[in-house]
Protein backbone atom coordinates (compact mmCIF):
# COMPACT_ATOMS: atom_id res chain seq x y z
CA MET A 1 73.59 45.67 41.71
CA LYS A 2 74.95 47.69 38.78
CA ALA A 3 78.36 48.05 40.47
CA GLN A 4 78.48 44.29 41.17
CA TYR A 5 77.64 43.52 37.54
CA ILE A 6 80.37 45.86 36.31
CA ARG A 7 82.87 44.22 38.69
CA ALA A 8 81.84 40.81 37.33
CA MET A 9 82.39 42.09 33.79
CA ASP A 10 85.81 43.40 34.86
CA ALA A 11 86.66 39.88 36.04
CA ILE A 12 85.41 38.33 32.80
CA HIS A 13 87.40 40.90 30.82
CA GLN A 14 90.58 40.08 32.76
CA ALA A 15 90.00 36.34 32.36
CA CYS A 16 89.53 36.69 28.59
CA LEU A 17 92.67 38.82 28.39
CA PHE A 18 94.65 36.25 30.39
CA VAL A 19 93.46 33.24 28.37
CA ALA A 20 94.04 35.03 25.05
CA GLY A 21 97.52 36.02 26.20
CA CYS A 22 98.31 32.44 27.25
CA CYS A 23 97.13 31.19 23.85
CA LEU A 24 99.44 33.66 22.13
CA VAL A 25 102.42 32.62 24.27
CA VAL A 26 101.82 28.93 23.57
CA ILE A 27 101.50 29.60 19.83
CA VAL A 28 104.75 31.57 19.85
CA ILE A 29 106.48 28.64 21.57
CA ILE A 30 105.12 25.69 19.59
CA ILE A 31 105.40 27.07 16.05
CA PRO A 32 109.19 27.57 16.27
CA TYR A 33 109.39 24.12 17.86
CA GLY A 34 107.61 22.67 14.81
CA VAL A 35 109.94 24.52 12.47
CA PHE A 36 112.98 23.35 14.47
CA CYS A 37 111.82 19.74 14.32
CA ARG A 38 111.18 19.94 10.60
CA TYR A 39 114.39 21.63 9.50
CA ALA A 40 116.98 20.94 12.21
CA LEU A 41 115.96 17.44 13.25
CA ASN A 42 114.58 16.47 9.83
CA SER A 43 111.58 14.92 11.55
CA ALA A 44 108.40 16.96 11.36
CA ALA A 45 106.17 16.95 14.44
CA SER A 46 102.54 16.57 13.40
CA TRP A 47 100.91 18.33 16.34
CA PRO A 48 102.23 21.95 16.51
CA GLU A 49 100.28 23.31 13.55
CA PRO A 50 96.83 21.90 14.46
CA VAL A 51 97.30 22.97 18.10
CA ALA A 52 98.24 26.45 16.91
CA VAL A 53 95.11 26.59 14.76
CA LEU A 54 92.90 25.58 17.70
CA LEU A 55 94.58 28.14 19.94
CA MET A 56 94.24 30.81 17.26
CA ILE A 57 90.47 30.22 17.20
CA ILE A 58 90.30 30.74 20.96
CA LEU A 59 92.63 33.73 20.75
CA SER A 60 90.55 35.37 18.03
CA PHE A 61 87.18 35.07 19.73
CA LEU A 62 88.39 36.05 23.20
CA SER A 63 90.37 38.97 21.78
CA ALA A 64 87.19 40.16 20.09
CA VAL A 65 85.47 40.14 23.50
CA VAL A 66 88.33 42.16 25.01
CA CYS A 67 88.35 44.65 22.13
CA TYR A 68 84.60 45.14 22.40
CA ARG A 69 84.86 45.96 26.10
CA GLU A 70 87.75 48.37 25.54
CA TYR A 71 86.04 50.15 22.61
CA LEU A 72 88.79 48.95 20.27
CA HIS A 73 86.48 47.11 17.87
CA ILE A 74 86.01 48.37 14.36
CA GLY A 75 83.41 51.09 14.37
CA VAL A 76 82.55 54.16 12.39
CA GLY A 77 82.57 57.18 14.66
CA VAL A 78 81.75 59.75 12.00
CA LEU A 79 77.96 59.51 12.25
CA PRO A 80 77.74 59.70 16.06
CA ALA A 81 80.14 62.64 16.04
CA PHE A 82 77.71 64.65 13.92
CA LEU A 83 74.62 63.73 15.95
CA ASN A 84 73.26 65.50 18.98
CA GLU A 85 71.16 64.02 21.76
CA PRO A 86 68.72 62.22 21.65
CA ALA A 87 69.57 60.97 18.14
CA LYS A 88 73.02 59.89 19.31
CA SER A 89 71.49 57.81 22.12
CA TYR A 90 68.96 56.24 19.76
CA LEU A 91 71.78 55.28 17.41
CA GLY A 92 73.71 53.78 20.34
CA TRP A 93 70.71 51.74 21.46
CA PHE A 94 70.12 50.56 17.89
CA LEU A 95 73.75 49.54 17.34
CA GLU A 96 73.94 47.70 20.64
CA ALA A 97 70.66 45.93 19.85
CA CYS A 98 72.24 44.80 16.55
CA MET A 99 75.30 43.65 18.49
CA LEU A 100 73.04 41.75 20.90
CA ALA A 101 71.26 40.05 18.00
CA THR A 102 74.59 39.09 16.44
CA ASN A 103 75.86 37.56 19.66
CA LEU A 104 72.64 35.70 20.33
CA PHE A 105 72.98 34.33 16.78
CA MET A 106 76.53 33.23 17.62
CA LEU A 107 75.31 31.61 20.83
CA TRP A 108 72.38 29.74 19.27
CA TRP A 109 73.95 28.56 16.02
CA GLY A 110 77.39 28.10 17.59
CA ALA A 111 75.86 25.79 20.19
CA LYS A 112 74.09 23.87 17.41
CA LEU A 113 77.40 23.58 15.53
CA VAL A 114 79.15 22.29 18.65
CA HIS A 115 76.33 19.81 19.23
CA THR A 116 76.43 18.62 15.60
CA THR A 117 80.20 18.11 15.53
CA TRP A 118 80.67 16.87 19.11
CA PHE A 119 81.02 13.20 18.15
CA GLN A 120 83.40 13.83 15.25
CA SER A 121 87.09 13.70 15.96
CA ILE A 122 89.93 15.91 14.80
CA PRO A 123 92.19 13.80 12.51
CA GLU A 124 95.41 14.94 14.21
CA PHE A 125 93.94 14.36 17.71
CA PRO A 126 91.45 11.47 17.61
CA ALA A 127 90.69 11.84 21.33
CA VAL A 128 89.59 15.48 20.89
CA SER A 129 86.11 16.23 19.63
CA ALA A 130 85.70 18.54 16.65
CA GLY A 131 82.99 20.27 18.67
CA VAL A 132 85.64 21.46 21.12
CA SER A 133 87.22 23.54 18.36
CA TYR A 134 83.90 25.33 17.84
CA LEU A 135 83.19 25.96 21.54
CA ALA A 136 84.77 29.41 21.29
CA ILE A 137 81.85 30.62 19.14
CA PRO A 138 79.01 30.21 21.66
CA ILE A 139 81.28 31.15 24.57
CA ALA A 140 82.24 34.41 22.88
CA GLY A 141 78.57 34.97 22.06
CA VAL A 142 77.62 34.64 25.73
CA LEU A 143 80.47 36.80 26.98
CA THR A 144 79.86 39.58 24.48
CA THR A 145 76.12 39.44 25.23
CA LEU A 146 76.96 40.07 28.88
CA LEU A 147 79.10 43.03 27.84
CA VAL A 148 76.29 44.40 25.66
CA ILE A 149 74.03 44.25 28.71
CA GLU A 150 76.69 46.21 30.58
CA ARG A 151 76.64 48.85 27.83
CA PHE A 152 72.86 49.06 28.11
CA MET A 153 73.20 49.54 31.87
CA THR A 154 75.93 52.20 31.69
CA ARG A 155 74.65 53.87 28.48
CA GLN A 156 78.23 54.52 27.37
CA PHE A 157 77.72 53.70 23.71
CA PHE A 158 80.37 55.84 22.04
CA SER A 159 83.22 56.13 24.52
CA GLU A 160 86.79 56.59 23.40
CA PRO A 161 89.25 53.79 24.25
CA ASP A 162 91.52 54.30 27.24
CA PRO A 163 94.80 55.96 26.24
CA GLU A 164 96.90 53.12 27.69
CA THR A 165 95.18 50.56 25.43
CA VAL A 166 95.89 52.47 22.22
CA SER A 167 99.42 52.68 20.91
CA GLN A 168 100.69 56.17 20.26
CA LEU A 169 102.13 54.99 16.97
CA SER A 170 98.72 54.00 15.64
CA THR A 171 97.20 57.40 16.35
CA GLU A 172 99.90 59.54 14.74
C-alpha cells in the first residue's frame, strides 16, 4: 500500500510539474504577443495580461507543490543539523504537522473563497467565474496535504534535494 501511495504521489508530482510548465510556456508566448499588438500594431489586446495573471496563480501554487515534494521549499536546516535522534524526528513530525495544518487551512478557507466568488465574473472575461481564479488555493492545499501524508509515511523529514533538481550555480 505504501509503494502504491508513493507511485500515486509520483504521478501527482509529474502532473503538477507538467501543468506548471505549460502555464509558463503559455505566459511566455502571450505576453510578447500583447506587447507586439500594443507597440507594433498600435492596437492593444485586452486579454493577454489577465490570462497571464490567472496562469501565474496556477503556476505559483503548483510550483509550490513541486518544490515541497523535491525538498526545494524554503526551510531552515540549521536546527535539524544540530539535533540528534529522537529530537530530530520530533522536530520533523512537528514541522510536518504545522504544514498539514497550513494546507488544511488553505483547503477549507480556499474552498469557502471559491464558493463565495463563484457567481462573480472577471471583468475581462465575463463568462469566467472569479471563483475559478481562486481554485488553485484549495487544489494546492489538497495536493500538498497528500504529500505531507507521504512524508509521514516515509519519515523522510529532512532530506536533501536531488542533485539534478538543484543548479550547480546556486550552490557555489
